[in-house]
Amino acid sequence: MNWVQRKILLYNVTFGLYMLDWWERYLFNILIAVLLWFIFYNTSRFAAESYNRYDLYLL
């Protein structure tokens, strides 16, 4: 078992995905991916807006 397989196994065991069917596991992974995308997208928008607001205060 290589490093990647161990990390996948650890992910499956940590979140209890090992007991789900293959389609349930894919659905869960898609939901997690969408949630992470939403968090990163909104964080980047907030950071850019904060930087622009801070930049205006310096002028």
N, C-alpha and C. Protein backbone atom coordinates (compact mmCIF):
# COMPACT_ATOMS: atom_id res chain seq x y z
N MET A 1 0.86 -1.18 0.00
CA MET A 1 0.00 0.00 0.00
C MET A 1 0.90 1.24 0.00
N ASN A 2 0.73 2.07 -1.02
CA ASN A 2 1.57 3.26 -1.10
C ASN A 2 0.96 4.42 -0.31
N TRP A 3 1.62 5.56 -0.35
CA TRP A 3 1.22 6.70 0.47
C TRP A 3 -0.17 7.23 0.09
N VAL A 4 -0.45 7.31 -1.21
CA VAL A 4 -1.74 7.83 -1.67
C VAL A 4 -2.88 6.91 -1.24
N GLN A 5 -2.69 5.61 -1.38
CA GLN A 5 -3.72 4.66 -0.97
C GLN A 5 -3.97 4.75 0.53
N ARG A 6 -2.93 4.96 1.31
CA ARG A 6 -3.10 5.11 2.76
C ARG A 6 -3.90 6.36 3.10
N LYS A 7 -3.62 7.45 2.40
CA LYS A 7 -4.36 8.70 2.66
C LYS A 7 -5.83 8.55 2.26
N ILE A 8 -6.11 7.87 1.16
CA ILE A 8 -7.49 7.63 0.75
C ILE A 8 -8.19 6.75 1.77
N LEU A 9 -7.51 5.72 2.25
CA LEU A 9 -8.09 4.85 3.27
C LEU A 9 -8.35 5.64 4.56
N LEU A 10 -7.42 6.47 4.97
CA LEU A 10 -7.59 7.30 6.16
C LEU A 10 -8.78 8.25 6.00
N TYR A 11 -8.93 8.84 4.82
CA TYR A 11 -10.08 9.72 4.54
C TYR A 11 -11.39 8.93 4.63
N ASN A 12 -11.43 7.75 4.03
CA ASN A 12 -12.64 6.93 4.06
C ASN A 12 -13.00 6.48 5.47
N VAL A 13 -12.01 6.12 6.26
CA VAL A 13 -12.28 5.66 7.62
C VAL A 13 -12.65 6.83 8.53
N THR A 14 -11.98 7.96 8.36
CA THR A 14 -12.24 9.12 9.22
C THR A 14 -13.67 9.62 9.06
N PHE A 15 -14.15 9.70 7.83
CA PHE A 15 -15.49 10.22 7.57
C PHE A 15 -16.55 9.12 7.46
N GLY A 16 -16.16 7.88 7.66
CA GLY A 16 -17.13 6.78 7.62
C GLY A 16 -17.60 6.44 6.23
N LEU A 17 -16.81 6.75 5.22
CA LEU A 17 -17.22 6.51 3.84
C LEU A 17 -17.03 5.06 3.41
N TYR A 18 -16.28 4.29 4.17
CA TYR A 18 -16.01 2.90 3.80
C TYR A 18 -17.27 2.05 3.82
N MET A 19 -18.30 2.47 4.54
CA MET A 19 -19.52 1.67 4.63
C MET A 19 -20.58 2.11 3.63
N LEU A 20 -20.29 3.12 2.82
CA LEU A 20 -21.24 3.61 1.83
C LEU A 20 -21.04 2.90 0.50
N ASP A 21 -22.09 2.92 -0.33
CA ASP A 21 -21.96 2.42 -1.70
C ASP A 21 -21.11 3.39 -2.50
N TRP A 22 -20.70 2.94 -3.69
CA TRP A 22 -19.82 3.76 -4.51
C TRP A 22 -20.50 5.07 -4.90
N TRP A 23 -21.80 5.04 -5.21
CA TRP A 23 -22.48 6.26 -5.65
C TRP A 23 -22.70 7.22 -4.48
N GLU A 24 -22.89 6.70 -3.28
CA GLU A 24 -23.03 7.56 -2.11
C GLU A 24 -21.70 8.24 -1.78
N ARG A 25 -20.62 7.49 -1.96
CA ARG A 25 -19.29 8.06 -1.73
C ARG A 25 -19.00 9.18 -2.72
N TYR A 26 -19.35 8.98 -3.99
CA TYR A 26 -19.15 10.03 -4.99
C TYR A 26 -20.01 11.24 -4.69
N LEU A 27 -21.25 11.02 -4.27
CA LEU A 27 -22.13 12.14 -3.93
C LEU A 27 -21.56 12.94 -2.76
N PHE A 28 -21.07 12.24 -1.74
CA PHE A 28 -20.47 12.92 -0.59
C PHE A 28 -19.25 13.72 -1.02
N ASN A 29 -18.40 13.13 -1.85
CA ASN A 29 -17.19 13.83 -2.31
C ASN A 29 -17.54 15.05 -3.15
N ILE A 30 -18.59 14.96 -3.96
CA ILE A 30 -19.02 16.11 -4.75
C ILE A 30 -19.52 17.22 -3.84
N LEU A 31 -20.28 16.87 -2.82
CA LEU A 31 -20.77 17.88 -1.87
C LEU A 31 -19.61 18.56 -1.14
N ILE A 32 -18.62 17.79 -0.75
CA ILE A 32 -17.45 18.36 -0.08
C ILE A 32 -16.68 19.28 -1.03
N ALA A 33 -16.54 18.87 -2.29
CA ALA A 33 -15.84 19.70 -3.27
C ALA A 33 -16.57 21.02 -3.51
N VAL A 34 -17.90 20.97 -3.60
CA VAL A 34 -18.68 22.20 -3.80
C VAL A 34 -18.56 23.10 -2.57
N LEU A 35 -18.61 22.52 -1.39
CA LEU A 35 -18.47 23.30 -0.17
C LEU A 35 -17.10 23.97 -0.10
N LEU A 36 -16.04 23.24 -0.42
CA LEU A 36 -14.70 23.82 -0.40
C LEU A 36 -14.56 24.91 -1.45
N TRP A 37 -15.13 24.69 -2.65
CA TRP A 37 -15.08 25.72 -3.69
C TRP A 37 -15.79 26.98 -3.21
N PHE A 38 -16.95 26.83 -2.59
CA PHE A 38 -17.71 27.97 -2.07
C PHE A 38 -16.90 28.74 -1.03
N ILE A 39 -16.26 28.03 -0.14
CA ILE A 39 -15.45 28.67 0.91
C ILE A 39 -14.27 29.42 0.30
N PHE A 40 -13.52 28.77 -0.60
CA PHE A 40 -12.36 29.41 -1.20
C PHE A 40 -12.76 30.59 -2.09
N TYR A 41 -13.85 30.45 -2.83
CA TYR A 41 -14.30 31.53 -3.71
C TYR A 41 -14.69 32.76 -2.90
N ASN A 42 -15.48 32.56 -1.87
CA ASN A 42 -15.91 33.70 -1.06
C ASN A 42 -14.77 34.29 -0.24
N THR A 43 -13.83 33.47 0.18
CA THR A 43 -12.66 33.98 0.88
C THR A 43 -11.82 34.85 -0.03
N SER A 44 -11.64 34.42 -1.27
CA SER A 44 -10.85 35.22 -2.21
C SER A 44 -11.56 36.52 -2.55
N ARG A 45 -12.88 36.49 -2.69
CA ARG A 45 -13.62 37.73 -2.95
C ARG A 45 -13.51 38.67 -1.76
N PHE A 46 -13.64 38.14 -0.55
CA PHE A 46 -13.53 38.97 0.65
C PHE A 46 -12.14 39.57 0.77
N ALA A 47 -11.11 38.77 0.50
CA ALA A 47 -9.74 39.27 0.60
C ALA A 47 -9.48 40.36 -0.43
N ALA A 48 -9.96 40.17 -1.65
CA ALA A 48 -9.77 41.19 -2.68
C ALA A 48 -10.51 42.47 -2.34
N GLU A 49 -11.73 42.34 -1.84
CA GLU A 49 -12.51 43.52 -1.46
C GLU A 49 -11.87 44.24 -0.28
N SER A 50 -11.37 43.49 0.68
CA SER A 50 -10.71 44.11 1.83
C SER A 50 -9.42 44.81 1.41
N TYR A 51 -8.68 44.19 0.50
CA TYR A 51 -7.45 44.81 0.02
C TYR A 51 -7.77 46.11 -0.72
N ASN A 52 -8.81 46.09 -1.56
CA ASN A 52 -9.18 47.31 -2.29
C ASN A 52 -9.66 48.40 -1.35
N ARG A 53 -10.41 48.03 -0.33
CA ARG A 53 -10.88 49.01 0.65
C ARG A 53 -9.69 49.59 1.43
N TYR A 54 -8.74 48.74 1.81
CA TYR A 54 -7.55 49.20 2.53
C TYR A 54 -6.71 50.10 1.63
N ASP A 55 -6.63 49.76 0.35
CA ASP A 55 -5.86 50.55 -0.59
C ASP A 55 -6.46 51.94 -0.76
N LEU A 56 -7.79 52.05 -0.71
CA LEU A 56 -8.43 53.36 -0.83
C LEU A 56 -8.16 54.22 0.39
N TYR A 57 -8.04 53.61 1.57
CA TYR A 57 -7.76 54.38 2.78
C TYR A 57 -6.35 54.96 2.77
N LEU A 58 -5.45 54.33 2.06
CA LEU A 58 -4.08 54.83 2.00
C LEU A 58 -3.94 56.04 1.10
N LEU A 59 -4.87 56.23 0.19
CA LEU A 59 -4.77 57.36 -0.75
C LEU A 59 -5.14 58.65 -0.15
